[in-house]
Amino acid sequence: MNIKKIKVNEENIGKRIDSFISLLEKHISRSAVQRLIEEENIKVNGEKTKGSYKVKLNDEIEINIPNAKEIDLKAQEIPLNIIYEDNDIIVVNKPKGMVVHPANGNPDGTLVNAIMSVCKDSLSGIGGEIRPGIVHRLDKDTSGAIIVAKNDKSHINLSEQLKNHQVKKTYIALVRGIIKENEATINMPIARSTKDRKKMAVDKKGKTAITHFKVLGRYKEKYTLLEINIETGRTHQIRVHLSNIGFPIVGDEVYSNGKNEWGIKGQCLHAWKIEFEHPTTKKMISLEAEIPPYFKKIIKELEEEN
């Protein structure tokens, strides 16, 4: 356990405690501070607090950072399509069907297991666990570019970029139905479904979710190919938004009850491009993850029949 004590001076009176600590302690992100507060590892004058608490003059803040704990995960030599790697980050073209992190029902065979084999001892300890720095996620049946941080500094930097919408993600999706607009924006809040806890849904009480798309092609009067950019990264955001406006993604078994003529399992949704600032060099990086063969084949067939 790493314990640090801070006394509030006049300059910082009135600041939210989560913001105050993350500004003072550069190695701890605001989200990490909030998690420490929830776990009662941050106290003010010996008492538990809330992230919204506004600090007062001479408040004594105690920060307890738990030691990173070993978790029962095994490295597995699973082939990965690595599209970029250096000492700080690794960017992988995740295949459809691969889960990002072990969970109930998926104890191994995940991206994390594969990354552990590649990274060896270079792992991020953010979140109180020694594990590869999974900064963001992709659904099991969504393929494409995903960034992994190799160290805490990179993890914190990339997490902040994501929170501030500085990471640009571009997806390719094939949907059922013909979208007439060439470009449009979907701005609908998303929350956990009240009918099925495994699903997400558009809900006015949910969190802001913004999806931009433009049409790349229309086929057979039945399908539309889209290029998609997201401002926010809500769970299942693209799938929920497109289904809600009547254009579900082909192959999506959760948000579409329609069959697809190719009989594919998993949605035709691919994280095609990702752009971000390198956490150390500060140079802009733009990477493309090649569209998987099955998806390319479908697009080719549709173009030939058009």
Protein backbone atom coordinates (compact mmCIF):
# COMPACT_ATOMS: atom_id res chain seq x y z
CA MET A 1 0.00 0.00 0.00
CA ASN A 2 1.37 3.40 -1.04
CA ILE A 3 0.07 6.17 1.26
CA LYS A 4 0.33 9.88 0.51
CA LYS A 5 -1.00 12.84 2.50
CA ILE A 6 -1.87 16.26 1.07
CA LYS A 7 -2.91 19.47 2.83
CA VAL A 8 -5.14 21.89 0.89
CA ASN A 9 -3.78 25.42 0.51
CA GLU A 10 -5.62 28.66 -0.37
CA GLU A 11 -4.91 28.27 -4.11
CA ASN A 12 -7.00 25.10 -4.33
CA ILE A 13 -10.01 25.98 -2.17
CA GLY A 14 -13.30 25.03 -3.82
CA LYS A 15 -11.92 22.52 -6.34
CA ARG A 16 -13.62 19.14 -6.72
CA ILE A 17 -11.51 16.58 -4.91
CA ASP A 18 -11.29 14.20 -7.91
CA SER A 19 -10.12 17.01 -10.19
CA PHE A 20 -7.76 18.43 -7.55
CA ILE A 21 -5.97 15.12 -6.94
CA SER A 22 -5.64 14.19 -10.63
CA LEU A 23 -4.12 17.62 -11.36
CA LEU A 24 -1.72 17.35 -8.44
CA GLU A 25 -0.82 13.69 -8.95
CA LYS A 26 -0.18 13.45 -12.70
CA HIS A 27 0.25 9.66 -12.57
CA ILE A 28 -3.34 9.15 -11.35
CA SER A 29 -6.15 9.79 -13.85
CA ARG A 30 -9.41 11.36 -12.71
CA SER A 31 -11.28 8.11 -13.33
CA ALA A 32 -8.69 6.27 -11.20
CA VAL A 33 -9.18 8.87 -8.43
CA GLN A 34 -12.94 8.33 -8.58
CA ARG A 35 -12.44 4.58 -8.30
CA LEU A 36 -10.16 5.06 -5.27
CA ILE A 37 -12.83 7.26 -3.67
CA GLU A 38 -15.52 4.63 -4.28
CA GLU A 39 -13.29 2.02 -2.66
CA GLU A 40 -12.76 4.39 0.32
CA ASN A 41 -9.03 4.64 -0.39
CA ILE A 42 -9.20 8.43 -0.33
CA LYS A 43 -10.27 10.15 2.86
CA VAL A 44 -10.65 13.77 3.94
CA ASN A 45 -9.78 14.53 7.57
CA GLY A 46 -10.01 10.80 8.27
CA GLU A 47 -13.52 10.44 6.81
CA LYS A 48 -14.70 8.88 3.53
CA THR A 49 -15.68 11.35 0.82
CA LYS A 50 -17.36 11.74 -2.59
CA GLY A 51 -15.86 12.76 -5.93
CA SER A 52 -18.00 15.89 -5.96
CA TYR A 53 -16.66 17.12 -2.59
CA LYS A 54 -15.12 20.61 -2.86
CA VAL A 55 -11.95 20.88 -0.83
CA LYS A 56 -11.57 23.40 1.98
CA LEU A 57 -8.56 25.22 3.40
CA ASN A 58 -6.34 22.94 5.51
CA ASP A 59 -8.26 19.79 4.61
CA GLU A 60 -5.99 16.77 5.12
CA ILE A 61 -6.39 14.34 2.25
CA GLU A 62 -5.04 10.82 2.58
CA ILE A 63 -4.56 8.78 -0.60
CA ASN A 64 -4.05 5.03 -0.26
CA ILE A 65 -2.97 3.38 -3.50
CA PRO A 66 -3.20 -0.44 -3.22
CA ASN A 67 -0.30 -2.47 -4.52
CA ALA A 68 -0.98 -3.99 -7.93
CA LYS A 69 -2.12 -7.55 -7.31
CA GLU A 70 -1.29 -10.57 -9.35
CA ILE A 71 -4.35 -12.05 -11.03
CA ASP A 72 -4.88 -15.57 -12.22
CA LEU A 73 -4.36 -15.03 -15.92
CA LYS A 74 -2.11 -17.11 -18.10
CA ALA A 75 -0.15 -16.02 -21.12
CA GLN A 76 -1.17 -17.91 -24.25
CA GLU A 77 0.64 -17.97 -27.55
CA ILE A 78 -2.30 -16.95 -29.72
CA PRO A 79 -1.48 -15.52 -33.17
CA LEU A 80 -2.11 -11.77 -33.29
CA ASN A 81 -2.20 -9.34 -36.20
CA ILE A 82 -0.01 -6.58 -34.73
CA ILE A 83 -0.20 -3.41 -36.83
CA TYR A 84 2.03 -1.24 -34.61
CA GLU A 85 4.28 -1.77 -31.60
CA ASP A 86 6.92 0.16 -29.64
CA ASN A 87 8.05 0.40 -26.01
CA ASP A 88 4.86 2.13 -24.90
CA ILE A 89 1.96 0.76 -26.91
CA ILE A 90 0.81 -2.07 -29.10
CA VAL A 91 -2.04 -1.82 -31.63
CA VAL A 92 -3.72 -5.03 -32.72
CA ASN A 93 -6.23 -5.87 -35.45
CA LYS A 94 -8.54 -7.96 -33.25
CA PRO A 95 -10.39 -10.75 -35.07
CA LYS A 96 -14.14 -11.23 -34.86
CA GLY A 97 -14.97 -13.81 -32.19
CA MET A 98 -12.16 -12.88 -29.78
CA VAL A 99 -13.10 -11.55 -26.34
CA VAL A 100 -10.90 -8.68 -25.10
CA HIS A 101 -10.69 -9.57 -21.39
CA PRO A 102 -11.37 -12.84 -19.50
CA ALA A 103 -14.74 -13.06 -17.80
CA ASN A 104 -17.30 -15.67 -16.84
CA GLY A 105 -17.71 -17.99 -19.80
CA ASN A 106 -14.46 -16.78 -21.40
CA PRO A 107 -11.64 -17.65 -18.97
CA ASP A 108 -8.96 -17.80 -21.64
CA GLY A 109 -8.31 -17.44 -25.35
CA THR A 110 -8.80 -13.69 -25.00
CA LEU A 111 -6.84 -10.73 -26.31
CA VAL A 112 -5.40 -10.21 -22.82
CA ASN A 113 -4.06 -13.79 -22.71
CA ALA A 114 -2.44 -13.26 -26.11
CA ILE A 115 -1.02 -9.82 -25.19
CA MET A 116 0.51 -11.24 -22.00
CA SER A 117 2.50 -13.66 -24.15
CA VAL A 118 3.71 -10.84 -26.41
CA CYS A 119 4.45 -8.23 -23.72
CA LYS A 120 5.99 -10.59 -21.14
CA ASP A 121 6.77 -8.45 -18.05
CA SER A 122 5.83 -5.13 -19.65
CA LEU A 123 2.31 -4.73 -18.31
CA SER A 124 0.23 -1.84 -17.02
CA GLY A 125 -0.82 -2.02 -13.37
CA ILE A 126 -3.58 0.58 -13.65
CA GLY A 127 -6.75 -0.43 -11.84
CA GLY A 128 -4.92 -2.22 -9.04
CA GLU A 129 -4.20 -5.33 -11.12
CA ILE A 130 -1.07 -6.36 -12.96
CA ARG A 131 -2.45 -6.82 -16.45
CA PRO A 132 -1.98 -5.54 -20.00
CA GLY A 133 -3.28 -1.99 -20.24
CA ILE A 134 -6.59 -2.45 -21.96
CA VAL A 135 -7.49 1.18 -22.60
CA HIS A 136 -10.68 0.62 -24.60
CA ARG A 137 -12.60 -2.40 -25.82
CA LEU A 138 -14.33 -3.89 -28.82
CA ASP A 139 -17.28 -6.26 -28.63
CA LYS A 140 -16.47 -9.94 -29.08
CA ASP A 141 -17.89 -10.00 -32.61
CA THR A 142 -16.52 -6.63 -33.70
CA SER A 143 -13.14 -6.81 -35.41
CA GLY A 144 -10.50 -4.13 -35.85
CA ALA A 145 -7.98 -1.79 -34.28
CA ILE A 146 -7.54 -1.75 -30.53
CA ILE A 147 -4.78 0.00 -28.53
CA VAL A 148 -3.05 -1.63 -25.56
CA ALA A 149 -0.79 0.32 -23.17
CA LYS A 150 2.45 -1.33 -22.09
CA ASN A 151 3.00 0.88 -19.05
CA ASP A 152 1.08 3.03 -16.58
CA LYS A 153 2.17 6.35 -18.10
CA SER A 154 0.85 5.37 -21.52
CA HIS A 155 -2.33 3.94 -20.01
CA ILE A 156 -3.14 7.17 -18.17
CA ASN A 157 -2.35 9.34 -21.20
CA LEU A 158 -4.46 7.28 -23.60
CA SER A 159 -7.33 7.05 -21.10
CA GLU A 160 -7.35 10.85 -20.88
CA GLN A 161 -7.31 11.17 -24.68
CA LEU A 162 -10.30 8.83 -24.91
CA LYS A 163 -12.17 10.70 -22.18
CA ASN A 164 -11.53 14.01 -23.98
CA HIS A 165 -12.63 12.57 -27.35
CA GLN A 166 -9.14 13.05 -28.79
CA VAL A 167 -8.93 9.53 -30.19
CA LYS A 168 -10.61 9.31 -33.59
CA LYS A 169 -12.12 5.92 -34.37
CA THR A 170 -13.51 5.12 -37.81
CA TYR A 171 -15.60 2.02 -38.40
CA ILE A 172 -17.02 0.24 -41.46
CA ALA A 173 -20.47 -1.35 -41.11
CA LEU A 174 -22.94 -3.10 -43.40
CA VAL A 175 -26.56 -2.54 -42.42
CA ARG A 176 -29.90 -3.93 -43.56
CA GLY A 177 -32.02 -1.41 -45.43
CA ILE A 178 -31.32 1.54 -47.68
CA ILE A 179 -30.34 4.77 -45.90
CA LYS A 180 -31.40 7.73 -48.06
CA GLU A 181 -29.24 10.40 -46.41
CA ASN A 182 -25.64 10.53 -47.59
CA GLU A 183 -24.48 11.74 -44.18
CA ALA A 184 -26.15 12.03 -40.78
CA THR A 185 -25.57 12.19 -37.04
CA ILE A 186 -27.34 10.09 -34.42
CA ASN A 187 -27.50 11.81 -31.03
CA MET A 188 -29.38 9.51 -28.67
CA PRO A 189 -28.49 8.76 -25.03
CA ILE A 190 -27.77 5.14 -24.16
CA ALA A 191 -28.27 3.20 -20.92
CA ARG A 192 -28.54 -0.39 -19.74
CA SER A 193 -31.80 -1.90 -20.97
CA THR A 194 -34.47 -2.20 -18.27
CA LYS A 195 -35.92 -5.24 -20.06
CA ASP A 196 -32.70 -7.19 -20.61
CA ARG A 197 -29.63 -6.41 -18.49
CA LYS A 198 -27.33 -7.93 -21.12
CA LYS A 199 -28.41 -5.32 -23.65
CA MET A 200 -28.11 -1.56 -24.01
CA ALA A 201 -30.92 0.71 -25.19
CA VAL A 202 -31.70 4.27 -26.19
CA ASP A 203 -32.94 5.92 -23.01
CA LYS A 204 -33.48 9.63 -22.31
CA LYS A 205 -32.02 9.04 -18.83
CA GLY A 206 -28.87 7.48 -20.30
CA LYS A 207 -25.44 8.89 -21.10
CA THR A 208 -24.85 11.09 -24.14
CA ALA A 209 -23.97 9.04 -27.23
CA ILE A 210 -23.11 10.58 -30.61
CA THR A 211 -22.52 8.63 -33.83
CA HIS A 212 -21.71 10.18 -37.23
CA PHE A 213 -22.01 8.21 -40.46
CA LYS A 214 -21.72 8.62 -44.21
CA VAL A 215 -22.85 6.24 -46.94
CA LEU A 216 -20.15 4.42 -48.92
CA GLY A 217 -22.50 2.27 -51.00
CA ARG A 218 -26.08 1.07 -51.48
CA TYR A 219 -26.72 -2.47 -52.74
CA LYS A 220 -29.59 -4.58 -54.13
CA GLU A 221 -32.10 -2.17 -52.59
CA LYS A 222 -31.48 -4.08 -49.36
CA TYR A 223 -28.12 -3.05 -47.85
CA THR A 224 -26.09 0.07 -47.09
CA LEU A 225 -22.35 0.24 -46.41
CA LEU A 226 -21.37 2.94 -43.91
CA GLU A 227 -18.28 4.73 -42.68
CA ILE A 228 -18.84 5.62 -39.03
CA ASN A 229 -17.12 7.94 -36.53
CA ILE A 230 -18.07 8.02 -32.87
CA GLU A 231 -17.65 10.97 -30.51
CA THR A 232 -18.49 8.88 -27.47
CA GLY A 233 -17.68 5.28 -26.64
CA ARG A 234 -20.76 3.82 -25.00
CA THR A 235 -21.18 0.05 -24.76
CA HIS A 236 -22.69 -1.30 -28.03
CA GLN A 237 -23.16 2.32 -29.18
CA ILE A 238 -23.02 1.85 -32.95
CA ARG A 239 -25.11 -1.31 -32.87
CA VAL A 240 -27.79 0.25 -30.65
CA HIS A 241 -27.98 3.51 -32.62
CA LEU A 242 -28.26 1.89 -36.04
CA SER A 243 -30.81 -0.66 -34.84
CA ASN A 244 -32.86 2.09 -33.21
CA ILE A 245 -33.20 4.08 -36.44
CA GLY A 246 -34.25 0.94 -38.32
CA PHE A 247 -30.96 -0.11 -39.95
CA PRO A 248 -29.48 -2.97 -37.89
CA ILE A 249 -26.00 -4.27 -38.65
CA VAL A 250 -25.91 -7.43 -40.74
CA GLY A 251 -25.19 -10.45 -38.53
CA ASP A 252 -25.94 -8.71 -35.22
CA GLU A 253 -27.71 -11.41 -33.23
CA VAL A 254 -28.51 -9.13 -30.28
CA TYR A 255 -29.94 -6.00 -31.89
CA SER A 256 -31.38 -7.50 -35.08
CA ASN A 257 -33.86 -10.34 -35.45
CA GLY A 258 -33.30 -10.58 -39.20
CA LYS A 259 -31.39 -13.35 -40.93
CA ASN A 260 -28.49 -12.56 -43.23
CA GLU A 261 -28.18 -14.31 -46.55
CA TRP A 262 -24.49 -15.09 -45.93
CA GLY A 263 -25.20 -16.95 -42.70
CA ILE A 264 -22.37 -15.19 -40.88
CA LYS A 265 -22.16 -15.22 -37.10
CA GLY A 266 -21.29 -11.86 -35.58
CA GLN A 267 -21.93 -8.37 -36.89
CA CYS A 268 -20.43 -6.82 -40.03
CA LEU A 269 -18.77 -4.09 -37.98
CA HIS A 270 -15.05 -3.38 -38.21
CA ALA A 271 -12.89 -0.78 -36.40
CA TRP A 272 -11.08 0.28 -39.56
CA LYS A 273 -8.95 3.30 -38.56
CA ILE A 274 -7.66 4.79 -35.33
CA GLU A 275 -5.88 8.14 -34.85
CA PHE A 276 -4.33 9.37 -31.62
CA GLU A 277 -1.38 11.23 -30.12
CA HIS A 278 1.49 8.97 -29.10
CA PRO A 279 1.71 9.10 -25.28
CA THR A 280 5.48 9.68 -25.28
CA THR A 281 6.56 11.25 -28.59
CA LYS A 282 3.36 13.37 -28.84
CA LYS A 283 3.33 12.73 -32.59
CA MET A 284 -0.02 11.93 -34.24
CA ILE A 285 -0.38 8.30 -35.23
CA SER A 286 -2.88 7.11 -37.84
CA LEU A 287 -3.31 3.37 -38.34
CA GLU A 288 -5.55 1.16 -40.45
CA ALA A 289 -6.69 -2.36 -39.60
CA GLU A 290 -7.32 -4.40 -42.73
CA ILE A 291 -10.95 -5.41 -43.23
CA PRO A 292 -11.33 -9.17 -42.57
CA PRO A 293 -11.67 -11.52 -45.58
CA TYR A 294 -15.29 -12.54 -44.89
CA PHE A 295 -16.37 -8.88 -44.82
CA LYS A 296 -14.39 -8.05 -47.97
CA LYS A 297 -16.02 -11.02 -49.73
CA ILE A 298 -19.52 -9.81 -48.87
CA ILE A 299 -18.77 -6.27 -50.08
CA LYS A 300 -17.29 -7.64 -53.32
CA GLU A 301 -20.36 -9.83 -53.96
CA LEU A 302 -22.69 -6.90 -53.37
CA GLU A 303 -20.67 -4.62 -55.67
CA GLU A 304 -20.69 -7.23 -58.42
CA GLU A 305 -24.45 -7.73 -58.16
CA ASN A 306 -25.23 -4.01 -58.01
